[in-house]
Amino acid sequence: MSISRYLNHRVTNLMLSVLIGTTPVISGLVVMDYQMHRQLEKKSRVSIEEAVFAIDRVLDSLHGAALQAQPLSTQPCSEVQQELENQARRNPRIHSLVLTRNDIGFCSSLGTKPLYTPHFAKGEYLQLNMNSPTIPNGILVEYRLVADNHSVIASTYGLELRNELRGFKDGVVLELEFGDLYISANGDSRNEVRPSLSEFSQSGVSEKYGYLVRAGYPDGFTARESQYIRTSIMPSLVLIGLFTSVLVLWSLLRKRYPVKGVSPVIDR
């Protein structure tokens, strides 16, 4: 064997071993990206289900308070005022209970004069109120329970919804939509910039109360998460690739020179 053929053979073996050694590195990165995307997509979907469950519980409390106060709506305010206040006081989530007749409020657990009656669009029974004089600069979630020409409007603080949304971690962003208005963990419709949900965005609707939940990740989240994971696993992948290359090279040389102690013969 000539020197050139011998060197070419060695270089070929080395390149082949390096090429094969990169396979676990590349495949590891591909699998990592695939699994990460699947996990983010699943997390977004599961977060919607969990958010609907949590928010429905808050609204169930509103419904229960309105249902309890409903018998009072057919009586004069002077006779039920104290009981209305007691009912609101016993439920820490309740901001106020308002009794209406023909859509006009006549009694409130706040006892304020003049009495403020939230306005609902025709057919609506759940809404966000960002302009209530009873809580300036705040947000109220208002639920109306109607029976004939009487109704009860129970309201709770928007903070109750935000507290539920803030319980979600791992970077997922959640947003609740009530009609044209929305509220998120750290913002609402009064903000100039809406939260970014551009990556793995999904949505779901509460079957009980009809509000919409959106979930997703902000711009650039996937790239940052991918970079973090690659930085964490790259040393391990490189080590596996290096070991694979050495093993392949050793196998090629052993196959070429199976007899121990025999050196290649170089033609001169």
C-alpha atoms as a PDB file:
ATOM      1  CA  MET A   1       0.000   0.000   0.000  1.00  0.00           C
ATOM      2  CA  SER A   2       1.372   3.398  -0.957  1.00  0.00           C
ATOM      3  CA  ILE A   3       1.693   6.173   1.614  1.00  0.00           C
ATOM      4  CA  SER A   4      -0.973   8.245  -0.159  1.00  0.00           C
ATOM      5  CA  ARG A   5      -3.452   5.373  -0.199  1.00  0.00           C
ATOM      6  CA  TYR A   6      -2.689   4.654   3.444  1.00  0.00           C
ATOM      7  CA  LEU A   7      -3.264   8.284   4.459  1.00  0.00           C
ATOM      8  CA  ASN A   8      -6.399   8.540   2.345  1.00  0.00           C
ATOM      9  CA  HIS A   9      -7.738   5.440   3.997  1.00  0.00           C
ATOM     10  CA  ARG A  10      -7.025   6.827   7.463  1.00  0.00           C
ATOM     11  CA  VAL A  11      -8.631  10.179   6.626  1.00  0.00           C
ATOM     12  CA  THR A  12     -11.687   8.406   5.216  1.00  0.00           C
ATOM     13  CA  ASN A  13     -12.043   6.337   8.392  1.00  0.00           C
ATOM     14  CA  LEU A  14     -11.670   9.440  10.538  1.00  0.00           C
ATOM     15  CA  MET A  15     -14.254  11.411   8.550  1.00  0.00           C
ATOM     16  CA  LEU A  16     -16.673   8.483   8.622  1.00  0.00           C
ATOM     17  CA  SER A  17     -16.334   8.111  12.386  1.00  0.00           C
ATOM     18  CA  VAL A  18     -16.861  11.865  12.900  1.00  0.00           C
ATOM     19  CA  LEU A  19     -19.891  11.811  10.620  1.00  0.00           C
ATOM     20  CA  ILE A  20     -21.429   8.898  12.483  1.00  0.00           C
ATOM     21  CA  GLY A  21     -20.551  10.545  15.801  1.00  0.00           C
ATOM     22  CA  THR A  22     -22.575  13.639  14.921  1.00  0.00           C
ATOM     23  CA  THR A  23     -25.683  11.520  14.418  1.00  0.00           C
ATOM     24  CA  PRO A  24     -26.630  11.261  18.125  1.00  0.00           C
ATOM     25  CA  VAL A  25     -25.967  14.979  18.561  1.00  0.00           C
ATOM     26  CA  ILE A  26     -28.229  16.005  15.688  1.00  0.00           C
ATOM     27  CA  SER A  27     -30.917  13.438  16.460  1.00  0.00           C
ATOM     28  CA  GLY A  28     -30.834  14.424  20.135  1.00  0.00           C
ATOM     29  CA  LEU A  29     -31.438  18.072  19.267  1.00  0.00           C
ATOM     30  CA  VAL A  30     -34.243  17.142  16.858  1.00  0.00           C
ATOM     31  CA  VAL A  31     -35.945  14.958  19.461  1.00  0.00           C
ATOM     32  CA  MET A  32     -35.493  17.665  22.089  1.00  0.00           C
ATOM     33  CA  ASP A  33     -37.164  20.288  19.873  1.00  0.00           C
ATOM     34  CA  TYR A  34     -40.002  17.924  19.027  1.00  0.00           C
ATOM     35  CA  GLN A  35     -40.656  17.013  22.656  1.00  0.00           C
ATOM     36  CA  MET A  36     -40.463  20.642  23.750  1.00  0.00           C
ATOM     37  CA  HIS A  37     -43.014  21.708  21.125  1.00  0.00           C
ATOM     38  CA  ARG A  38     -45.331  18.875  22.113  1.00  0.00           C
ATOM     39  CA  GLN A  39     -45.036  19.786  25.790  1.00  0.00           C
ATOM     40  CA  LEU A  40     -45.737  23.479  25.179  1.00  0.00           C
ATOM     41  CA  GLU A  41     -48.746  22.646  23.027  1.00  0.00           C
ATOM     42  CA  LYS A  42     -50.068  20.255  25.672  1.00  0.00           C
ATOM     43  CA  LYS A  43     -49.414  22.740  28.475  1.00  0.00           C
ATOM     44  CA  SER A  44     -51.358  25.413  26.612  1.00  0.00           C
ATOM     45  CA  ARG A  45     -54.306  23.070  26.088  1.00  0.00           C
ATOM     46  CA  VAL A  46     -54.309  21.747  29.659  1.00  0.00           C
ATOM     47  CA  SER A  47     -54.000  25.288  31.056  1.00  0.00           C
ATOM     48  CA  ILE A  48     -57.266  26.233  29.351  1.00  0.00           C
ATOM     49  CA  GLU A  49     -59.069  23.302  30.971  1.00  0.00           C
ATOM     50  CA  GLU A  50     -57.620  24.142  34.384  1.00  0.00           C
ATOM     51  CA  ALA A  51     -58.423  27.836  33.996  1.00  0.00           C
ATOM     52  CA  VAL A  52     -62.056  27.134  33.082  1.00  0.00           C
ATOM     53  CA  PHE A  53     -62.362  24.923  36.157  1.00  0.00           C
ATOM     54  CA  ALA A  54     -60.838  27.579  38.451  1.00  0.00           C
ATOM     55  CA  ILE A  55     -62.785  30.549  37.038  1.00  0.00           C
ATOM     56  CA  ASP A  56     -66.045  28.596  37.032  1.00  0.00           C
ATOM     57  CA  ARG A  57     -65.611  28.092  40.775  1.00  0.00           C
ATOM     58  CA  VAL A  58     -65.362  31.854  41.292  1.00  0.00           C
ATOM     59  CA  LEU A  59     -68.470  32.412  39.199  1.00  0.00           C
ATOM     60  CA  ASP A  60     -70.257  29.580  41.001  1.00  0.00           C
ATOM     61  CA  SER A  61     -69.772  31.629  44.155  1.00  0.00           C
ATOM     62  CA  LEU A  62     -71.420  34.597  42.441  1.00  0.00           C
ATOM     63  CA  HIS A  63     -74.283  32.449  41.220  1.00  0.00           C
ATOM     64  CA  GLY A  64     -74.781  30.984  44.683  1.00  0.00           C
ATOM     65  CA  ALA A  65     -74.842  34.439  46.292  1.00  0.00           C
ATOM     66  CA  ALA A  66     -77.355  35.711  43.742  1.00  0.00           C
ATOM     67  CA  LEU A  67     -79.513  32.627  44.195  1.00  0.00           C
ATOM     68  CA  GLN A  68     -79.533  33.071  47.969  1.00  0.00           C
ATOM     69  CA  ALA A  69     -80.539  36.719  47.663  1.00  0.00           C
ATOM     70  CA  GLN A  70     -83.184  36.125  45.012  1.00  0.00           C
ATOM     71  CA  PRO A  71     -86.123  35.716  47.461  1.00  0.00           C
ATOM     72  CA  LEU A  72     -85.336  39.204  48.800  1.00  0.00           C
ATOM     73  CA  SER A  73     -85.900  40.824  45.398  1.00  0.00           C
ATOM     74  CA  THR A  74     -89.692  40.633  45.714  1.00  0.00           C
ATOM     75  CA  GLN A  75     -89.793  42.508  49.034  1.00  0.00           C
ATOM     76  CA  PRO A  76     -89.379  46.186  49.965  1.00  0.00           C
ATOM     77  CA  CYS A  77     -85.803  47.312  50.524  1.00  0.00           C
ATOM     78  CA  SER A  78     -86.605  48.578  54.021  1.00  0.00           C
ATOM     79  CA  GLU A  79     -87.461  45.023  55.044  1.00  0.00           C
ATOM     80  CA  VAL A  80     -84.518  43.213  53.440  1.00  0.00           C
ATOM     81  CA  GLN A  81     -81.688  45.751  53.549  1.00  0.00           C
ATOM     82  CA  GLN A  82     -80.065  44.309  56.652  1.00  0.00           C
ATOM     83  CA  GLU A  83     -80.302  40.725  55.438  1.00  0.00           C
ATOM     84  CA  LEU A  84     -78.861  41.732  52.067  1.00  0.00           C
ATOM     85  CA  GLU A  85     -75.886  43.346  53.799  1.00  0.00           C
ATOM     86  CA  ASN A  86     -75.413  40.295  56.021  1.00  0.00           C
ATOM     87  CA  GLN A  87     -75.383  37.949  53.041  1.00  0.00           C
ATOM     88  CA  ALA A  88     -72.746  40.027  51.273  1.00  0.00           C
ATOM     89  CA  ARG A  89     -70.668  40.293  54.436  1.00  0.00           C
ATOM     90  CA  ARG A  90     -70.640  36.531  54.982  1.00  0.00           C
ATOM     91  CA  ASN A  91     -69.099  35.883  51.560  1.00  0.00           C
ATOM     92  CA  PRO A  92     -65.610  37.468  51.363  1.00  0.00           C
ATOM     93  CA  ARG A  93     -65.622  37.228  47.566  1.00  0.00           C
ATOM     94  CA  ILE A  94     -68.733  39.369  47.186  1.00  0.00           C
ATOM     95  CA  HIS A  95     -68.344  43.076  46.544  1.00  0.00           C
ATOM     96  CA  SER A  96     -72.041  43.845  46.444  1.00  0.00           C
ATOM     97  CA  LEU A  97     -75.550  42.515  45.918  1.00  0.00           C
ATOM     98  CA  VAL A  98     -78.048  44.701  44.088  1.00  0.00           C
ATOM     99  CA  LEU A  99     -81.772  43.994  43.803  1.00  0.00           C
ATOM    100  CA  THR A 100     -83.573  45.281  40.719  1.00  0.00           C
ATOM    101  CA  ARG A 101     -87.137  45.528  39.530  1.00  0.00           C
ATOM    102  CA  ASN A 102     -87.751  46.104  35.815  1.00  0.00           C
ATOM    103  CA  ASP A 103     -83.972  46.589  35.428  1.00  0.00           C
ATOM    104  CA  ILE A 104     -83.970  49.440  37.949  1.00  0.00           C
ATOM    105  CA  GLY A 105     -82.046  48.939  41.174  1.00  0.00           C
ATOM    106  CA  PHE A 106     -83.951  49.544  44.389  1.00  0.00           C
ATOM    107  CA  CYS A 107     -81.729  47.986  47.066  1.00  0.00           C
ATOM    108  CA  SER A 108     -78.000  47.393  47.514  1.00  0.00           C
ATOM    109  CA  SER A 109     -75.860  45.696  50.113  1.00  0.00           C
ATOM    110  CA  LEU A 110     -73.593  48.748  49.957  1.00  0.00           C
ATOM    111  CA  GLY A 111     -76.414  50.991  51.145  1.00  0.00           C
ATOM    112  CA  THR A 112     -75.071  53.861  49.012  1.00  0.00           C
ATOM    113  CA  LYS A 113     -77.166  56.814  47.858  1.00  0.00           C
ATOM    114  CA  PRO A 114     -77.762  57.309  45.001  1.00  0.00           C
ATOM    115  CA  LEU A 115     -77.861  53.603  44.282  1.00  0.00           C
ATOM    116  CA  TYR A 116     -75.741  52.453  41.345  1.00  0.00           C
ATOM    117  CA  THR A 117     -77.260  49.796  39.078  1.00  0.00           C
ATOM    118  CA  PRO A 118     -74.932  48.009  36.628  1.00  0.00           C
ATOM    119  CA  HIS A 119     -76.207  48.000  33.061  1.00  0.00           C
ATOM    120  CA  PHE A 120     -76.408  44.748  31.105  1.00  0.00           C
ATOM    121  CA  ALA A 121     -76.952  44.369  27.380  1.00  0.00           C
ATOM    122  CA  LYS A 122     -80.091  42.514  26.409  1.00  0.00           C
ATOM    123  CA  GLY A 123     -79.677  38.812  27.026  1.00  0.00           C
ATOM    124  CA  GLU A 124     -76.376  39.218  28.893  1.00  0.00           C
ATOM    125  CA  TYR A 125     -75.945  37.918  32.419  1.00  0.00           C
ATOM    126  CA  LEU A 126     -72.162  38.046  32.958  1.00  0.00           C
ATOM    127  CA  GLN A 127     -69.803  40.947  32.318  1.00  0.00           C
ATOM    128  CA  LEU A 128     -66.690  42.862  33.309  1.00  0.00           C
ATOM    129  CA  ASN A 129     -67.298  46.376  34.597  1.00  0.00           C
ATOM    130  CA  MET A 130     -64.299  48.705  34.462  1.00  0.00           C
ATOM    131  CA  ASN A 131     -66.243  51.903  35.154  1.00  0.00           C
ATOM    132  CA  SER A 132     -68.128  51.195  38.362  1.00  0.00           C
ATOM    133  CA  PRO A 133     -68.242  54.225  40.710  1.00  0.00           C
ATOM    134  CA  THR A 134     -68.318  51.814  43.645  1.00  0.00           C
ATOM    135  CA  ILE A 135     -64.705  50.779  42.973  1.00  0.00           C
ATOM    136  CA  PRO A 136     -62.865  53.547  41.057  1.00  0.00           C
ATOM    137  CA  ASN A 137     -59.994  52.362  38.834  1.00  0.00           C
ATOM    138  CA  GLY A 138     -60.886  48.759  39.646  1.00  0.00           C
ATOM    139  CA  ILE A 139     -62.650  45.922  37.868  1.00  0.00           C
ATOM    140  CA  LEU A 140     -65.820  44.156  38.890  1.00  0.00           C
ATOM    141  CA  VAL A 141     -67.166  40.867  37.620  1.00  0.00           C
ATOM    142  CA  GLU A 142     -70.961  41.151  37.606  1.00  0.00           C
ATOM    143  CA  TYR A 143     -73.447  38.316  37.382  1.00  0.00           C
ATOM    144  CA  ARG A 144     -77.199  38.826  36.950  1.00  0.00           C
ATOM    145  CA  LEU A 145     -79.806  36.271  37.976  1.00  0.00           C
ATOM    146  CA  VAL A 146     -83.259  37.065  36.579  1.00  0.00           C
ATOM    147  CA  ALA A 147     -86.671  35.826  37.695  1.00  0.00           C
ATOM    148  CA  ASP A 148     -89.685  37.446  36.003  1.00  0.00           C
ATOM    149  CA  ASN A 149     -89.218  41.206  36.320  1.00  0.00           C
ATOM    150  CA  HIS A 150     -86.950  40.898  39.370  1.00  0.00           C
ATOM    151  CA  SER A 151     -83.223  40.202  39.372  1.00  0.00           C
ATOM    152  CA  VAL A 152     -80.201  40.069  41.605  1.00  0.00           C
ATOM    153  CA  ILE A 153     -76.832  41.391  40.483  1.00  0.00           C
ATOM    154  CA  ALA A 154     -73.929  39.878  42.394  1.00  0.00           C
ATOM    155  CA  SER A 155     -70.450  41.286  41.850  1.00  0.00           C
ATOM    156  CA  THR A 156     -66.950  40.257  42.826  1.00  0.00           C
ATOM    157  CA  TYR A 157     -63.548  41.842  42.377  1.00  0.00           C
ATOM    158  CA  GLY A 158     -61.541  41.329  39.208  1.00  0.00           C
ATOM    159  CA  LEU A 159     -58.660  40.488  41.528  1.00  0.00           C
ATOM    160  CA  GLU A 160     -60.394  37.179  42.236  1.00  0.00           C
ATOM    161  CA  LEU A 161     -59.947  36.214  38.584  1.00  0.00           C
ATOM    162  CA  ARG A 162     -56.401  37.546  38.453  1.00  0.00           C
ATOM    163  CA  ASN A 163     -55.398  35.514  41.489  1.00  0.00           C
ATOM    164  CA  GLU A 164     -56.561  32.364  39.727  1.00  0.00           C
ATOM    165  CA  LEU A 165     -54.665  33.253  36.545  1.00  0.00           C
ATOM    166  CA  ARG A 166     -51.486  34.080  38.471  1.00  0.00           C
ATOM    167  CA  GLY A 167     -51.408  30.527  39.761  1.00  0.00           C
ATOM    168  CA  PHE A 168     -50.312  29.274  36.327  1.00  0.00           C
ATOM    169  CA  LYS A 169     -46.546  28.994  35.896  1.00  0.00           C
ATOM    170  CA  ASP A 170     -44.032  27.803  33.269  1.00  0.00           C
ATOM    171  CA  GLY A 171     -44.453  30.907  31.118  1.00  0.00           C
ATOM    172  CA  VAL A 172     -47.967  30.237  29.839  1.00  0.00           C
ATOM    173  CA  VAL A 173     -50.099  33.389  29.470  1.00  0.00           C
ATOM    174  CA  LEU A 174     -53.854  33.231  30.032  1.00  0.00           C
ATOM    175  CA  GLU A 175     -56.523  35.721  29.081  1.00  0.00           C
ATOM    176  CA  LEU A 176     -60.245  35.788  29.875  1.00  0.00           C
ATOM    177  CA  GLU A 177     -62.683  37.439  27.478  1.00  0.00           C
ATOM    178  CA  PHE A 178     -66.142  38.589  28.512  1.00  0.00           C
ATOM    179  CA  GLY A 179     -67.726  40.024  25.397  1.00  0.00           C
ATOM    180  CA  ASP A 180     -65.475  42.800  24.077  1.00  0.00           C
ATOM    181  CA  LEU A 181     -63.459  43.114  27.284  1.00  0.00           C
ATOM    182  CA  TYR A 182     -60.629  40.973  28.588  1.00  0.00           C
ATOM    183  CA  ILE A 183     -58.631  40.495  31.762  1.00  0.00           C
ATOM    184  CA  SER A 184     -55.291  38.734  32.254  1.00  0.00           C
ATOM    185  CA  ALA A 185     -52.995  38.096  35.204  1.00  0.00           C
ATOM    186  CA  ASN A 186     -51.335  41.492  34.846  1.00  0.00           C
ATOM    187  CA  GLY A 187     -53.511  43.514  32.497  1.00  0.00           C
ATOM    188  CA  ASP A 188     -56.919  44.212  31.020  1.00  0.00           C
ATOM    189  CA  SER A 189     -58.703  46.066  28.221  1.00  0.00           C
ATOM    190  CA  ARG A 190     -57.524  49.412  29.556  1.00  0.00           C
ATOM    191  CA  ASN A 191     -53.913  48.617  28.642  1.00  0.00           C
ATOM    192  CA  GLU A 192     -52.597  49.941  25.357  1.00  0.00           C
ATOM    193  CA  VAL A 193     -50.747  46.727  24.529  1.00  0.00           C
ATOM    194  CA  ARG A 194     -52.501  43.386  24.721  1.00  0.00           C
ATOM    195  CA  PRO A 195     -50.544  40.379  26.082  1.00  0.00           C
ATOM    196  CA  SER A 196     -48.750  38.346  23.411  1.00  0.00           C
ATOM    197  CA  LEU A 197     -50.149  34.850  22.907  1.00  0.00           C
ATOM    198  CA  SER A 198     -48.718  34.218  19.465  1.00  0.00           C
ATOM    199  CA  GLU A 199     -46.974  30.904  20.165  1.00  0.00           C
ATOM    200  CA  PHE A 200     -49.009  27.718  20.644  1.00  0.00           C
ATOM    201  CA  SER A 201     -52.130  29.842  21.029  1.00  0.00           C
ATOM    202  CA  GLN A 202     -55.344  27.984  21.833  1.00  0.00           C
ATOM    203  CA  SER A 203     -58.780  28.914  23.135  1.00  0.00           C
ATOM    204  CA  GLY A 204     -61.714  27.372  24.932  1.00  0.00           C
ATOM    205  CA  VAL A 205     -65.167  28.375  26.134  1.00  0.00           C
ATOM    206  CA  SER A 206     -66.779  27.764  29.516  1.00  0.00           C
ATOM    207  CA  GLU A 207     -69.881  25.659  28.958  1.00  0.00           C
ATOM    208  CA  LYS A 208     -71.447  26.984  32.176  1.00  0.00           C
ATOM    209  CA  TYR A 209     -70.860  30.722  31.789  1.00  0.00           C
ATOM    210  CA  GLY A 210     -69.864  31.311  28.176  1.00  0.00           C
ATOM    211  CA  TYR A 211     -66.673  33.330  28.671  1.00  0.00           C
ATOM    212  CA  LEU A 212     -63.660  32.667  26.438  1.00  0.00           C
ATOM    213  CA  VAL A 213     -60.228  31.588  27.657  1.00  0.00           C
ATOM    214  CA  ARG A 214     -57.141  32.115  25.527  1.00  0.00           C
ATOM    215  CA  ALA A 215     -53.783  30.531  26.327  1.00  0.00           C
ATOM    216  CA  GLY A 216     -50.383  30.668  24.692  1.00  0.00           C
ATOM    217  CA  TYR A 217     -46.818  31.853  24.984  1.00  0.00           C
ATOM    218  CA  PRO A 218     -45.368  35.302  24.193  1.00  0.00           C
ATOM    219  CA  ASP A 219     -43.199  36.101  21.182  1.00  0.00           C
ATOM    220  CA  GLY A 220     -39.745  34.551  21.443  1.00  0.00           C
ATOM    221  CA  PHE A 221     -40.598  32.192  24.303  1.00  0.00           C
ATOM    222  CA  THR A 222     -39.987  29.029  22.269  1.00  0.00           C
ATOM    223  CA  ALA A 223     -36.606  30.243  21.046  1.00  0.00           C
ATOM    224  CA  ARG A 224     -35.479  31.166  24.553  1.00  0.00           C
ATOM    225  CA  GLU A 225     -36.700  27.880  25.983  1.00  0.00           C
ATOM    226  CA  SER A 226     -34.985  25.932  23.199  1.00  0.00           C
ATOM    227  CA  GLN A 227     -31.712  27.769  23.773  1.00  0.00           C
ATOM    228  CA  TYR A 228     -31.853  27.062  27.492  1.00  0.00           C
ATOM    229  CA  ILE A 229     -32.498  23.340  26.969  1.00  0.00           C
ATOM    230  CA  ARG A 230     -29.790  23.043  24.311  1.00  0.00           C
ATOM    231  CA  THR A 231     -27.270  24.679  26.624  1.00  0.00           C
ATOM    232  CA  SER A 232     -28.204  22.172  29.316  1.00  0.00           C
ATOM    233  CA  ILE A 233     -28.007  18.995  27.246  1.00  0.00           C
ATOM    234  CA  MET A 234     -25.337  19.877  24.677  1.00  0.00           C
ATOM    235  CA  PRO A 235     -22.362  18.725  26.823  1.00  0.00           C
ATOM    236  CA  SER A 236     -23.976  15.317  27.262  1.00  0.00           C
ATOM    237  CA  LEU A 237     -24.754  15.020  23.551  1.00  0.00           C
ATOM    238  CA  VAL A 238     -21.225  16.034  22.563  1.00  0.00           C
ATOM    239  CA  LEU A 239     -19.794  13.460  24.963  1.00  0.00           C
ATOM    240  CA  ILE A 240     -22.018  10.754  23.471  1.00  0.00           C
ATOM    241  CA  GLY A 241     -21.042  11.845  19.957  1.00  0.00           C
ATOM    242  CA  LEU A 242     -17.342  11.773  20.822  1.00  0.00           C
ATOM    243  CA  PHE A 243     -17.630   8.320  22.359  1.00  0.00           C
ATOM    244  CA  THR A 244     -19.515   7.105  19.277  1.00  0.00           C
ATOM    245  CA  SER A 245     -16.830   8.495  16.948  1.00  0.00           C
ATOM    246  CA  VAL A 246     -14.020   6.820  18.895  1.00  0.00           C
ATOM    247  CA  LEU A 247     -15.906   3.532  18.967  1.00  0.00           C
ATOM    248  CA  VAL A 248     -16.567   3.620  15.212  1.00  0.00           C
ATOM    249  CA  LEU A 249     -12.953   4.538  14.434  1.00  0.00           C
ATOM    250  CA  TRP A 250     -11.663   1.743  16.640  1.00  0.00           C
ATOM    251  CA  SER A 251     -14.022  -0.725  14.939  1.00  0.00           C
ATOM    252  CA  LEU A 252     -12.848   0.325  11.478  1.00  0.00           C
ATOM    253  CA  LEU A 253      -9.187   0.023  12.386  1.00  0.00           C
ATOM    254  CA  ARG A 254      -9.729  -3.316  14.081  1.00  0.00           C
ATOM    255  CA  LYS A 255     -11.541  -4.624  11.008  1.00  0.00           C
ATOM    256  CA  ARG A 256      -8.720  -3.425   8.799  1.00  0.00           C
ATOM    257  CA  TYR A 257      -5.949  -4.847  11.024  1.00  0.00           C
ATOM    258  CA  PRO A 258      -7.472  -7.730  12.976  1.00  0.00           C
ATOM    259  CA  VAL A 259      -4.134  -9.286  14.058  1.00  0.00           C
ATOM    260  CA  LYS A 260      -2.713  -7.710  17.176  1.00  0.00           C
ATOM    261  CA  GLY A 261       0.804  -6.356  16.814  1.00  0.00           C
ATOM    262  CA  VAL A 262       0.768  -6.372  13.010  1.00  0.00           C
ATOM    263  CA  SER A 263       1.552  -3.003  11.484  1.00  0.00           C
ATOM    264  CA  PRO A 264       0.586  -1.987   7.989  1.00  0.00           C
ATOM    265  CA  VAL A 265       3.129  -2.611   5.259  1.00  0.00           C
ATOM    266  CA  ILE A 266       4.030   0.457   3.295  1.00  0.00           C
ATOM    267  CA  ASP A 267       5.358  -0.042  -0.222  1.00  0.00           C
ATOM    268  CA  ARG A 268       8.372   1.974  -0.980  1.00  0.00           C
END
